[in-house]
Amino acid sequence: MALEIKRETIDYHILDNLFRQEDSCGGILASEELCRYKFTKVQLLDMARKSDECEECVKAALLLGFLNRRVEFFTEYFEDENTHQMVPVERRRYLDEMIFETNPEEFKEISDFFLRSIPTKNDSELIARYHAFRNTEFALPILKELHNRGYKVKLQ
């Protein structure tokens, strides 16, 4: 079931929650949740400009959007064989386009900012971000930071 968010009530904590373990299965669902909220790149950049408090989570969300394909959610209904009631099942379809379009300069600026923020994150946030960025070039710097903090992790 899609969560509808009124544009005027967007709170950056929604973005921050994309990377929290308890809210996004350790970040595994972060890119899908980013699609579900239907933020635009312009909205996110505007949020980052307005508040230093949310700049890091907004830029992490932007980077996630630059690296992952857009997901479309829809509901199909199936008849339960036992109760004969119609049961809604949420489906997802991965599209060929990225969540957010970018250019090389913008990508470099956002990725450099993200990399500089890694040491400032607590362990739980780092683990969640590792899961969100696990199939990207940003997984290794996160794993290295966790390893430096004493975690026994295999550096890939």
C-alpha atoms as a PDB file:
ATOM      1  CA  MET A   1       0.000   0.000   0.000  1.00  0.00           C
ATOM      2  CA  ALA A   2       1.587   3.262  -1.095  1.00  0.00           C
ATOM      3  CA  LEU A   3       2.084   5.977   1.457  1.00  0.00           C
ATOM      4  CA  GLU A   4       0.810   9.294   0.197  1.00  0.00           C
ATOM      5  CA  ILE A   5       2.740  12.333   1.384  1.00  0.00           C
ATOM      6  CA  LYS A   6       1.482  15.852   0.924  1.00  0.00           C
ATOM      7  CA  ARG A   7       4.216  17.921  -0.685  1.00  0.00           C
ATOM      8  CA  GLU A   8       3.933  20.724   1.860  1.00  0.00           C
ATOM      9  CA  THR A   9       4.410  18.372   4.825  1.00  0.00           C
ATOM     10  CA  ILE A  10       7.613  16.631   3.779  1.00  0.00           C
ATOM     11  CA  ASP A  11       9.874  16.067   6.757  1.00  0.00           C
ATOM     12  CA  TYR A  12      13.518  15.167   6.317  1.00  0.00           C
ATOM     13  CA  HIS A  13      13.151  12.485   9.022  1.00  0.00           C
ATOM     14  CA  ILE A  14      11.325  10.441   6.387  1.00  0.00           C
ATOM     15  CA  LEU A  15      14.536  10.400   4.376  1.00  0.00           C
ATOM     16  CA  ASP A  16      16.702   9.681   7.390  1.00  0.00           C
ATOM     17  CA  ASN A  17      14.491   6.668   8.152  1.00  0.00           C
ATOM     18  CA  LEU A  18      15.360   5.163   4.761  1.00  0.00           C
ATOM     19  CA  PHE A  19      18.692   4.177   6.228  1.00  0.00           C
ATOM     20  CA  ARG A  20      17.688   3.097   9.715  1.00  0.00           C
ATOM     21  CA  GLN A  21      17.837  -0.607  10.356  1.00  0.00           C
ATOM     22  CA  GLU A  22      14.493  -0.931  12.087  1.00  0.00           C
ATOM     23  CA  ASP A  23      12.650   1.043   9.414  1.00  0.00           C
ATOM     24  CA  SER A  24      14.131  -0.357   6.220  1.00  0.00           C
ATOM     25  CA  CYS A  25      15.411  -3.860   6.973  1.00  0.00           C
ATOM     26  CA  GLY A  26      18.879  -2.458   7.449  1.00  0.00           C
ATOM     27  CA  GLY A  27      18.682  -0.249   4.396  1.00  0.00           C
ATOM     28  CA  ILE A  28      17.881  -3.153   2.065  1.00  0.00           C
ATOM     29  CA  LEU A  29      14.592  -1.592   1.010  1.00  0.00           C
ATOM     30  CA  ALA A  30      15.873   1.991   0.955  1.00  0.00           C
ATOM     31  CA  SER A  31      15.812   2.494  -2.820  1.00  0.00           C
ATOM     32  CA  GLU A  32      12.311   1.031  -3.070  1.00  0.00           C
ATOM     33  CA  GLU A  33      11.088   3.247  -0.255  1.00  0.00           C
ATOM     34  CA  LEU A  34      12.644   6.277  -1.934  1.00  0.00           C
ATOM     35  CA  CYS A  35      10.476   5.488  -4.983  1.00  0.00           C
ATOM     36  CA  ARG A  36       7.415   4.923  -2.849  1.00  0.00           C
ATOM     37  CA  TYR A  37       7.637   8.453  -1.379  1.00  0.00           C
ATOM     38  CA  LYS A  38       7.792   9.957  -4.892  1.00  0.00           C
ATOM     39  CA  PHE A  39      10.200  12.730  -3.984  1.00  0.00           C
ATOM     40  CA  THR A  40      11.655  14.721  -6.822  1.00  0.00           C
ATOM     41  CA  LYS A  41      15.304  15.668  -7.110  1.00  0.00           C
ATOM     42  CA  VAL A  42      14.352  19.350  -6.981  1.00  0.00           C
ATOM     43  CA  GLN A  43      12.475  18.836  -3.708  1.00  0.00           C
ATOM     44  CA  LEU A  44      15.427  17.065  -2.154  1.00  0.00           C
ATOM     45  CA  LEU A  45      17.953  19.670  -3.263  1.00  0.00           C
ATOM     46  CA  ASP A  46      15.680  22.383  -1.900  1.00  0.00           C
ATOM     47  CA  MET A  47      15.469  20.573   1.450  1.00  0.00           C
ATOM     48  CA  ALA A  48      19.272  20.289   1.615  1.00  0.00           C
ATOM     49  CA  ARG A  49      19.687  24.010   0.901  1.00  0.00           C
ATOM     50  CA  LYS A  50      17.195  25.032   3.585  1.00  0.00           C
ATOM     51  CA  SER A  51      18.664  23.079   6.475  1.00  0.00           C
ATOM     52  CA  ASP A  52      22.137  21.920   7.434  1.00  0.00           C
ATOM     53  CA  GLU A  53      20.433  19.431   9.748  1.00  0.00           C
ATOM     54  CA  CYS A  54      19.010  17.433   6.860  1.00  0.00           C
ATOM     55  CA  GLU A  55      21.736  17.957   4.267  1.00  0.00           C
ATOM     56  CA  GLU A  56      23.497  14.627   4.892  1.00  0.00           C
ATOM     57  CA  CYS A  57      20.405  12.407   4.744  1.00  0.00           C
ATOM     58  CA  VAL A  58      19.084  14.270   1.691  1.00  0.00           C
ATOM     59  CA  LYS A  59      22.355  13.865  -0.175  1.00  0.00           C
ATOM     60  CA  ALA A  60      22.527  10.179   0.776  1.00  0.00           C
ATOM     61  CA  ALA A  61      18.994   9.788  -0.625  1.00  0.00           C
ATOM     62  CA  LEU A  62      20.012  11.607  -3.811  1.00  0.00           C
ATOM     63  CA  LEU A  63      23.031   9.349  -4.229  1.00  0.00           C
ATOM     64  CA  LEU A  64      20.815   6.323  -3.714  1.00  0.00           C
ATOM     65  CA  GLY A  65      18.521   7.671  -6.441  1.00  0.00           C
ATOM     66  CA  PHE A  66      21.434   8.224  -8.834  1.00  0.00           C
ATOM     67  CA  LEU A  67      22.525   4.593  -8.435  1.00  0.00           C
ATOM     68  CA  ASN A  68      19.228   2.666  -8.464  1.00  0.00           C
ATOM     69  CA  ARG A  69      16.464   2.052 -10.948  1.00  0.00           C
ATOM     70  CA  ARG A  70      13.015   3.467 -10.418  1.00  0.00           C
ATOM     71  CA  VAL A  71      10.431   1.086  -8.991  1.00  0.00           C
ATOM     72  CA  GLU A  72       6.746   1.247  -9.821  1.00  0.00           C
ATOM     73  CA  PHE A  73       4.312  -0.153  -7.260  1.00  0.00           C
ATOM     74  CA  PHE A  74       0.868  -1.497  -8.042  1.00  0.00           C
ATOM     75  CA  THR A  75      -1.727  -3.714  -6.406  1.00  0.00           C
ATOM     76  CA  GLU A  76      -3.234  -6.879  -7.798  1.00  0.00           C
ATOM     77  CA  TYR A  77      -6.140  -8.733  -6.239  1.00  0.00           C
ATOM     78  CA  PHE A  78      -6.324 -12.488  -5.918  1.00  0.00           C
ATOM     79  CA  GLU A  79      -9.003 -14.729  -4.554  1.00  0.00           C
ATOM     80  CA  ASP A  80      -8.042 -16.558  -1.373  1.00  0.00           C
ATOM     81  CA  GLU A  81      -8.760 -20.240  -2.053  1.00  0.00           C
ATOM     82  CA  ASN A  82      -9.937 -20.870   1.502  1.00  0.00           C
ATOM     83  CA  THR A  83     -12.040 -17.791   2.229  1.00  0.00           C
ATOM     84  CA  HIS A  84     -12.907 -16.809  -1.364  1.00  0.00           C
ATOM     85  CA  GLN A  85     -12.245 -13.203  -0.447  1.00  0.00           C
ATOM     86  CA  MET A  86     -10.256 -10.906  -2.689  1.00  0.00           C
ATOM     87  CA  VAL A  87      -6.831 -10.253  -1.168  1.00  0.00           C
ATOM     88  CA  PRO A  88      -4.667  -7.307  -2.243  1.00  0.00           C
ATOM     89  CA  VAL A  89      -1.051  -8.111  -3.102  1.00  0.00           C
ATOM     90  CA  GLU A  90       1.431  -5.330  -3.665  1.00  0.00           C
ATOM     91  CA  ARG A  91       3.649  -5.849  -6.690  1.00  0.00           C
ATOM     92  CA  ARG A  92       6.662  -3.963  -7.953  1.00  0.00           C
ATOM     93  CA  ARG A  93       8.125  -3.461 -11.369  1.00  0.00           C
ATOM     94  CA  TYR A  94      11.682  -2.231 -11.907  1.00  0.00           C
ATOM     95  CA  LEU A  95      11.857   0.319 -14.694  1.00  0.00           C
ATOM     96  CA  ASP A  96      14.778   1.045 -17.018  1.00  0.00           C
ATOM     97  CA  GLU A  97      15.251   4.598 -15.742  1.00  0.00           C
ATOM     98  CA  MET A  98      17.174   5.681 -12.673  1.00  0.00           C
ATOM     99  CA  ILE A  99      15.280   7.189  -9.747  1.00  0.00           C
ATOM    100  CA  PHE A 100      17.025  10.543 -10.333  1.00  0.00           C
ATOM    101  CA  GLU A 101      18.873  11.816 -13.394  1.00  0.00           C
ATOM    102  CA  THR A 102      22.310  13.314 -12.784  1.00  0.00           C
ATOM    103  CA  ASN A 103      25.389  14.631 -14.503  1.00  0.00           C
ATOM    104  CA  PRO A 104      29.061  13.836 -13.736  1.00  0.00           C
ATOM    105  CA  GLU A 105      29.722  17.044 -11.768  1.00  0.00           C
ATOM    106  CA  GLU A 106      26.639  16.672  -9.608  1.00  0.00           C
ATOM    107  CA  PHE A 107      27.352  12.978  -9.018  1.00  0.00           C
ATOM    108  CA  LYS A 108      30.919  13.768  -7.932  1.00  0.00           C
ATOM    109  CA  GLU A 109      29.799  16.542  -5.566  1.00  0.00           C
ATOM    110  CA  ILE A 110      27.159  14.362  -3.894  1.00  0.00           C
ATOM    111  CA  SER A 111      29.357  11.248  -3.725  1.00  0.00           C
ATOM    112  CA  ASP A 112      32.289  13.210  -2.239  1.00  0.00           C
ATOM    113  CA  PHE A 113      29.961  14.636   0.405  1.00  0.00           C
ATOM    114  CA  PHE A 114      28.633  11.140   1.152  1.00  0.00           C
ATOM    115  CA  LEU A 115      32.129   9.690   1.506  1.00  0.00           C
ATOM    116  CA  ARG A 116      33.175  12.508   3.874  1.00  0.00           C
ATOM    117  CA  SER A 117      30.126  11.789   6.059  1.00  0.00           C
ATOM    118  CA  ILE A 118      30.916   8.090   6.590  1.00  0.00           C
ATOM    119  CA  PRO A 119      33.122   8.602   9.692  1.00  0.00           C
ATOM    120  CA  THR A 120      30.427  10.762  11.328  1.00  0.00           C
ATOM    121  CA  LYS A 121      27.768   8.025  11.276  1.00  0.00           C
ATOM    122  CA  ASN A 122      27.186   5.725  14.217  1.00  0.00           C
ATOM    123  CA  ASP A 123      27.592   1.967  13.787  1.00  0.00           C
ATOM    124  CA  SER A 124      23.904   1.250  13.270  1.00  0.00           C
ATOM    125  CA  GLU A 125      23.624   3.947  10.601  1.00  0.00           C
ATOM    126  CA  LEU A 126      26.731   2.642   8.848  1.00  0.00           C
ATOM    127  CA  ILE A 127      25.380  -0.910   8.768  1.00  0.00           C
ATOM    128  CA  ALA A 128      22.090   0.313   7.314  1.00  0.00           C
ATOM    129  CA  ARG A 129      23.909   2.429   4.727  1.00  0.00           C
ATOM    130  CA  TYR A 130      26.081  -0.510   3.808  1.00  0.00           C
ATOM    131  CA  HIS A 131      22.924  -2.472   2.994  1.00  0.00           C
ATOM    132  CA  ALA A 132      21.439   0.431   1.027  1.00  0.00           C
ATOM    133  CA  PHE A 133      24.641   0.853  -1.011  1.00  0.00           C
ATOM    134  CA  ARG A 134      25.826  -2.788  -0.943  1.00  0.00           C
ATOM    135  CA  ASN A 135      25.938  -3.213  -4.727  1.00  0.00           C
ATOM    136  CA  THR A 136      27.734   0.053  -5.382  1.00  0.00           C
ATOM    137  CA  GLU A 137      31.228   1.484  -5.156  1.00  0.00           C
ATOM    138  CA  PHE A 138      30.263   3.017  -1.791  1.00  0.00           C
ATOM    139  CA  ALA A 139      29.985  -0.301   0.041  1.00  0.00           C
ATOM    140  CA  LEU A 140      33.746  -0.755   0.437  1.00  0.00           C
ATOM    141  CA  PRO A 141      34.451   2.586   2.188  1.00  0.00           C
ATOM    142  CA  ILE A 142      31.589   1.843   4.591  1.00  0.00           C
ATOM    143  CA  LEU A 143      32.920  -1.658   5.278  1.00  0.00           C
ATOM    144  CA  LYS A 144      36.414  -0.266   5.845  1.00  0.00           C
ATOM    145  CA  GLU A 145      35.065   2.191   8.420  1.00  0.00           C
ATOM    146  CA  LEU A 146      33.200  -0.602  10.204  1.00  0.00           C
ATOM    147  CA  HIS A 147      36.358  -2.730  10.139  1.00  0.00           C
ATOM    148  CA  ASN A 148      38.356   0.170  11.651  1.00  0.00           C
ATOM    149  CA  ARG A 149      35.784   0.307  14.459  1.00  0.00           C
ATOM    150  CA  GLY A 150      36.415  -3.333  15.293  1.00  0.00           C
ATOM    151  CA  TYR A 151      33.735  -5.090  13.300  1.00  0.00           C
ATOM    152  CA  LYS A 152      34.735  -8.414  11.842  1.00  0.00           C
ATOM    153  CA  VAL A 153      33.633  -7.910   8.273  1.00  0.00           C
ATOM    154  CA  LYS A 154      34.935  -9.297   5.022  1.00  0.00           C
ATOM    155  CA  LEU A 155      36.175  -6.460   2.882  1.00  0.00           C
ATOM    156  CA  GLN A 156      34.978  -7.131  -0.631  1.00  0.00           C
END
